[in-house]
Amino acid sequence: MTSDTPSSNTPPAPPDAASDPRKESLIEYPSLFPIKVMGVKVDGMVQAITHVAHQFDPTFDASTIELRESRGGKYIGVTITVTATSREQLDELYRTLSTHPMVKVVL
């Protein structure tokens, strides 16, 4: 075996960001990005979602929130529009919202 031949137990080099499909994005940053959050309609739900939005987008404008109650009035859909600055920011925002105890679904 020559020195320029990799050994069989050498792990392959990680793909660079340009060739890694997980790093590709159809979103141009920064951009306005709507996120729909659904949960049981309880006091404090909209305020909790607003608080999380401000953590990830300090410029978030709460006056742009759209609310939609379910037909029976038990659930509420809260659409927030944040300024997305990176895929990492959006991923972490989705994770934070998805694990919030008041939230059932994030789209």
N, C-alpha and C. Protein backbone atom coordinates (compact mmCIF):
# COMPACT_ATOMS: atom_id res chain seq x y z
N MET A 1 0.84 -1.18 0.00
CA MET A 1 0.00 0.00 0.00
C MET A 1 0.88 1.24 0.00
N THR A 2 0.55 2.21 -0.86
CA THR A 2 1.34 3.43 -0.94
C THR A 2 0.81 4.45 0.03
N SER A 3 1.58 5.50 0.30
CA SER A 3 1.19 6.50 1.28
C SER A 3 0.02 7.36 0.82
N ASP A 4 -0.22 7.46 -0.52
CA ASP A 4 -1.32 8.29 -0.96
C ASP A 4 -2.62 7.51 -1.15
N THR A 5 -2.64 6.23 -0.80
CA THR A 5 -3.85 5.43 -0.85
C THR A 5 -4.46 5.40 0.55
N PRO A 6 -5.73 5.83 0.70
CA PRO A 6 -6.33 5.82 2.04
C PRO A 6 -6.53 4.40 2.53
N SER A 7 -6.36 4.20 3.82
CA SER A 7 -6.58 2.88 4.39
C SER A 7 -8.08 2.62 4.46
N SER A 8 -8.46 1.37 4.54
CA SER A 8 -9.87 1.01 4.51
C SER A 8 -10.63 1.45 5.76
N ASN A 9 -9.92 1.73 6.85
CA ASN A 9 -10.62 2.15 8.07
C ASN A 9 -10.60 3.67 8.27
N THR A 10 -10.19 4.42 7.26
CA THR A 10 -10.22 5.88 7.33
C THR A 10 -11.60 6.36 6.92
N PRO A 11 -12.27 7.14 7.78
CA PRO A 11 -13.60 7.61 7.41
C PRO A 11 -13.53 8.58 6.24
N PRO A 12 -14.57 8.61 5.41
CA PRO A 12 -14.55 9.54 4.28
C PRO A 12 -14.59 10.98 4.78
N ALA A 13 -14.05 11.86 3.99
CA ALA A 13 -14.06 13.28 4.34
C ALA A 13 -15.50 13.78 4.34
N PRO A 14 -15.85 14.67 5.29
CA PRO A 14 -17.22 15.20 5.30
C PRO A 14 -17.46 16.04 4.05
N PRO A 15 -18.71 16.02 3.55
CA PRO A 15 -18.98 16.82 2.36
C PRO A 15 -18.89 18.30 2.70
N ASP A 16 -18.46 19.10 1.72
CA ASP A 16 -18.42 20.53 1.99
C ASP A 16 -19.85 21.07 1.89
N ALA A 17 -20.06 22.26 2.43
CA ALA A 17 -21.40 22.85 2.51
C ALA A 17 -22.03 23.01 1.13
N ALA A 18 -21.22 23.27 0.12
CA ALA A 18 -21.78 23.49 -1.21
C ALA A 18 -22.38 22.23 -1.80
N SER A 19 -21.84 21.05 -1.44
CA SER A 19 -22.36 19.81 -2.00
C SER A 19 -23.30 19.08 -1.06
N ASP A 20 -23.49 19.55 0.14
CA ASP A 20 -24.36 18.90 1.11
C ASP A 20 -25.80 19.37 0.90
N PRO A 21 -26.73 18.48 0.46
CA PRO A 21 -28.10 18.91 0.17
C PRO A 21 -28.83 19.43 1.40
N ARG A 22 -28.40 19.05 2.59
CA ARG A 22 -29.07 19.54 3.81
C ARG A 22 -28.79 21.02 4.04
N LYS A 23 -27.72 21.53 3.45
CA LYS A 23 -27.36 22.93 3.62
C LYS A 23 -27.98 23.83 2.56
N GLU A 24 -28.49 23.23 1.49
CA GLU A 24 -29.10 24.02 0.44
C GLU A 24 -30.43 24.57 0.93
N SER A 25 -30.80 25.73 0.46
CA SER A 25 -32.05 26.34 0.90
C SER A 25 -32.70 27.06 -0.25
N LEU A 26 -34.01 27.00 -0.30
CA LEU A 26 -34.76 27.74 -1.30
C LEU A 26 -35.11 29.13 -0.79
N ILE A 27 -34.80 29.38 0.46
CA ILE A 27 -35.11 30.67 1.09
C ILE A 27 -33.91 31.59 0.95
N GLU A 28 -34.17 32.81 0.53
CA GLU A 28 -33.12 33.82 0.50
C GLU A 28 -33.19 34.58 1.82
N TYR A 29 -32.05 34.71 2.47
CA TYR A 29 -32.00 35.39 3.77
C TYR A 29 -31.44 36.79 3.60
N PRO A 30 -31.92 37.75 4.35
CA PRO A 30 -33.08 37.69 5.23
C PRO A 30 -34.38 37.78 4.43
N SER A 31 -35.45 37.20 4.98
CA SER A 31 -36.76 37.29 4.36
C SER A 31 -37.85 37.12 5.41
N LEU A 32 -39.03 37.64 5.10
CA LEU A 32 -40.17 37.46 5.98
C LEU A 32 -40.66 36.03 5.82
N PHE A 33 -40.90 35.35 6.94
CA PHE A 33 -41.23 33.93 6.90
C PHE A 33 -42.40 33.65 7.84
N PRO A 34 -43.57 33.26 7.29
CA PRO A 34 -44.72 32.98 8.15
C PRO A 34 -44.63 31.58 8.77
N ILE A 35 -45.03 31.50 10.02
CA ILE A 35 -45.06 30.22 10.75
C ILE A 35 -46.42 30.12 11.43
N LYS A 36 -47.10 28.99 11.23
CA LYS A 36 -48.39 28.78 11.86
C LYS A 36 -48.20 27.87 13.07
N VAL A 37 -48.72 28.34 14.20
CA VAL A 37 -48.61 27.60 15.46
C VAL A 37 -50.03 27.30 15.93
N MET A 38 -50.31 26.04 16.25
CA MET A 38 -51.65 25.67 16.70
C MET A 38 -51.60 25.02 18.07
N GLY A 39 -52.62 25.34 18.86
CA GLY A 39 -52.71 24.76 20.19
C GLY A 39 -54.10 24.99 20.77
N VAL A 40 -54.29 24.48 21.97
CA VAL A 40 -55.55 24.67 22.68
C VAL A 40 -55.67 26.15 23.02
N LYS A 41 -56.87 26.69 22.83
CA LYS A 41 -57.10 28.11 23.11
C LYS A 41 -57.16 28.30 24.62
N VAL A 42 -56.08 28.87 25.17
CA VAL A 42 -55.99 29.15 26.61
C VAL A 42 -55.42 30.55 26.79
N ASP A 43 -55.70 31.13 27.94
CA ASP A 43 -55.13 32.44 28.26
C ASP A 43 -53.61 32.35 28.22
N GLY A 44 -52.99 33.31 27.59
CA GLY A 44 -51.53 33.37 27.56
C GLY A 44 -50.90 32.72 26.34
N MET A 45 -51.69 32.03 25.52
CA MET A 45 -51.14 31.32 24.35
C MET A 45 -50.48 32.32 23.39
N VAL A 46 -51.20 33.36 23.00
CA VAL A 46 -50.66 34.32 22.03
C VAL A 46 -49.45 35.04 22.62
N GLN A 47 -49.51 35.38 23.89
CA GLN A 47 -48.38 36.06 24.53
C GLN A 47 -47.15 35.15 24.57
N ALA A 48 -47.34 33.88 24.82
CA ALA A 48 -46.21 32.93 24.86
C ALA A 48 -45.56 32.81 23.48
N ILE A 49 -46.38 32.72 22.44
CA ILE A 49 -45.84 32.61 21.08
C ILE A 49 -45.11 33.90 20.70
N THR A 50 -45.68 35.04 21.09
CA THR A 50 -45.05 36.34 20.83
C THR A 50 -43.70 36.42 21.52
N HIS A 51 -43.62 35.95 22.74
CA HIS A 51 -42.36 35.96 23.49
C HIS A 51 -41.29 35.14 22.77
N VAL A 52 -41.66 33.95 22.31
CA VAL A 52 -40.70 33.10 21.59
C VAL A 52 -40.27 33.78 20.29
N ALA A 53 -41.21 34.36 19.57
CA ALA A 53 -40.88 35.03 18.31
C ALA A 53 -39.86 36.15 18.54
N HIS A 54 -40.05 36.92 19.62
CA HIS A 54 -39.11 38.01 19.93
C HIS A 54 -37.72 37.49 20.30
N GLN A 55 -37.65 36.28 20.86
CA GLN A 55 -36.34 35.70 21.19
C GLN A 55 -35.51 35.45 19.93
N PHE A 56 -36.18 35.08 18.85
CA PHE A 56 -35.47 34.72 17.62
C PHE A 56 -35.45 35.84 16.59
N ASP A 57 -36.34 36.82 16.76
CA ASP A 57 -36.40 37.97 15.86
C ASP A 57 -36.73 39.21 16.68
N PRO A 58 -35.70 39.91 17.14
CA PRO A 58 -35.93 41.10 17.97
C PRO A 58 -36.78 42.17 17.28
N THR A 59 -36.87 42.13 15.95
CA THR A 59 -37.67 43.10 15.22
C THR A 59 -39.11 42.63 14.99
N PHE A 60 -39.47 41.47 15.56
CA PHE A 60 -40.81 40.91 15.35
C PHE A 60 -41.88 41.93 15.73
N ASP A 61 -42.86 42.09 14.85
CA ASP A 61 -43.96 43.04 15.05
C ASP A 61 -45.22 42.26 15.41
N ALA A 62 -45.60 42.32 16.68
CA ALA A 62 -46.76 41.57 17.16
C ALA A 62 -48.06 42.00 16.51
N SER A 63 -48.10 43.19 15.92
CA SER A 63 -49.33 43.64 15.26
C SER A 63 -49.60 42.86 13.97
N THR A 64 -48.64 42.07 13.50
CA THR A 64 -48.83 41.28 12.28
C THR A 64 -49.38 39.88 12.56
N ILE A 65 -49.59 39.55 13.83
CA ILE A 65 -50.09 38.23 14.20
C ILE A 65 -51.49 38.04 13.64
N GLU A 66 -51.73 36.86 13.07
CA GLU A 66 -53.05 36.50 12.58
C GLU A 66 -53.57 35.36 13.45
N LEU A 67 -54.83 35.47 13.88
CA LEU A 67 -55.45 34.47 14.73
C LEU A 67 -56.62 33.82 14.01
N ARG A 68 -56.78 32.53 14.22
CA ARG A 68 -57.93 31.83 13.66
C ARG A 68 -58.36 30.74 14.63
N GLU A 69 -59.59 30.87 15.12
CA GLU A 69 -60.14 29.86 16.04
C GLU A 69 -60.68 28.68 15.25
N SER A 70 -60.66 27.52 15.88
CA SER A 70 -61.28 26.35 15.28
C SER A 70 -62.79 26.53 15.30
N ARG A 71 -63.49 25.75 14.52
CA ARG A 71 -64.94 25.87 14.43
C ARG A 71 -65.61 25.75 15.80
N GLY A 72 -65.12 24.84 16.60
CA GLY A 72 -65.70 24.63 17.92
C GLY A 72 -65.16 25.58 18.98
N GLY A 73 -64.13 26.34 18.65
CA GLY A 73 -63.56 27.32 19.57
C GLY A 73 -62.58 26.75 20.59
N LYS A 74 -62.27 25.45 20.49
CA LYS A 74 -61.35 24.85 21.46
C LYS A 74 -59.88 25.13 21.12
N TYR A 75 -59.58 25.24 19.84
CA TYR A 75 -58.20 25.43 19.38
C TYR A 75 -58.04 26.78 18.72
N ILE A 76 -56.78 27.23 18.63
CA ILE A 76 -56.48 28.50 17.96
C ILE A 76 -55.23 28.32 17.11
N GLY A 77 -55.27 28.93 15.94
CA GLY A 77 -54.11 28.98 15.07
C GLY A 77 -53.53 30.38 15.15
N VAL A 78 -52.24 30.46 15.39
CA VAL A 78 -51.55 31.74 15.51
C VAL A 78 -50.48 31.78 14.42
N THR A 79 -50.63 32.70 13.47
CA THR A 79 -49.63 32.85 12.42
C THR A 79 -48.75 34.04 12.76
N ILE A 80 -47.45 33.74 12.88
CA ILE A 80 -46.47 34.79 13.13
C ILE A 80 -45.61 34.91 11.88
N THR A 81 -45.15 36.09 11.59
CA THR A 81 -44.24 36.30 10.47
C THR A 81 -42.96 36.91 11.01
N VAL A 82 -41.90 36.10 10.96
CA VAL A 82 -40.61 36.53 11.49
C VAL A 82 -39.67 36.87 10.34
N THR A 83 -38.65 37.63 10.65
CA THR A 83 -37.59 37.88 9.68
C THR A 83 -36.57 36.76 9.83
N ALA A 84 -36.55 35.88 8.85
CA ALA A 84 -35.63 34.74 8.87
C ALA A 84 -34.26 35.21 8.41
N THR A 85 -33.25 34.94 9.22
CA THR A 85 -31.89 35.36 8.88
C THR A 85 -30.98 34.18 8.54
N SER A 86 -31.40 32.95 8.89
CA SER A 86 -30.59 31.77 8.58
C SER A 86 -31.42 30.51 8.77
N ARG A 87 -30.96 29.45 8.19
CA ARG A 87 -31.63 28.16 8.38
C ARG A 87 -31.54 27.73 9.85
N GLU A 88 -30.39 27.99 10.45
CA GLU A 88 -30.20 27.61 11.85
C GLU A 88 -31.20 28.34 12.75
N GLN A 89 -31.43 29.62 12.48
CA GLN A 89 -32.40 30.39 13.26
C GLN A 89 -33.78 29.76 13.13
N LEU A 90 -34.20 29.44 11.90
CA LEU A 90 -35.52 28.85 11.69
C LEU A 90 -35.63 27.48 12.34
N ASP A 91 -34.59 26.67 12.20
CA ASP A 91 -34.62 25.34 12.82
C ASP A 91 -34.79 25.44 14.34
N GLU A 92 -34.05 26.33 14.95
CA GLU A 92 -34.13 26.49 16.41
C GLU A 92 -35.48 27.08 16.82
N LEU A 93 -36.01 28.00 16.04
CA LEU A 93 -37.33 28.56 16.32
C LEU A 93 -38.39 27.47 16.25
N TYR A 94 -38.36 26.63 15.22
CA TYR A 94 -39.30 25.52 15.11
C TYR A 94 -39.17 24.57 16.29
N ARG A 95 -37.94 24.25 16.67
CA ARG A 95 -37.72 23.35 17.81
C ARG A 95 -38.29 23.94 19.09
N THR A 96 -38.03 25.22 19.32
CA THR A 96 -38.50 25.89 20.53
C THR A 96 -40.03 25.92 20.57
N LEU A 97 -40.64 26.28 19.46
CA LEU A 97 -42.11 26.32 19.42
C LEU A 97 -42.70 24.92 19.57
N SER A 98 -42.12 23.94 18.90
CA SER A 98 -42.65 22.56 18.94
C SER A 98 -42.60 21.94 20.32
N THR A 99 -41.65 22.37 21.14
CA THR A 99 -41.52 21.79 22.48
C THR A 99 -42.23 22.61 23.55
N HIS A 100 -42.85 23.72 23.15
CA HIS A 100 -43.57 24.56 24.11
C HIS A 100 -44.81 23.80 24.59
N PRO A 101 -45.09 23.80 25.89
CA PRO A 101 -46.22 23.02 26.42
C PRO A 101 -47.59 23.46 25.91
N MET A 102 -47.75 24.68 25.44
CA MET A 102 -49.05 25.14 24.94
C MET A 102 -49.25 24.79 23.46
N VAL A 103 -48.20 24.38 22.79
CA VAL A 103 -48.26 24.18 21.34
C VAL A 103 -48.49 22.72 20.99
N LYS A 104 -49.41 22.50 20.05
CA LYS A 104 -49.68 21.14 19.55
C LYS A 104 -49.00 20.88 18.21
N VAL A 105 -49.02 21.89 17.31
CA VAL A 105 -48.48 21.72 15.96
C VAL A 105 -47.82 23.01 15.50
N VAL A 106 -46.70 22.88 14.77
CA VAL A 106 -46.04 24.03 14.16
C VAL A 106 -45.87 23.71 12.67
N LEU A 107 -46.35 24.62 11.83
CA LEU A 107 -46.23 24.44 10.38
C LEU A 107 -45.49 25.60 9.77
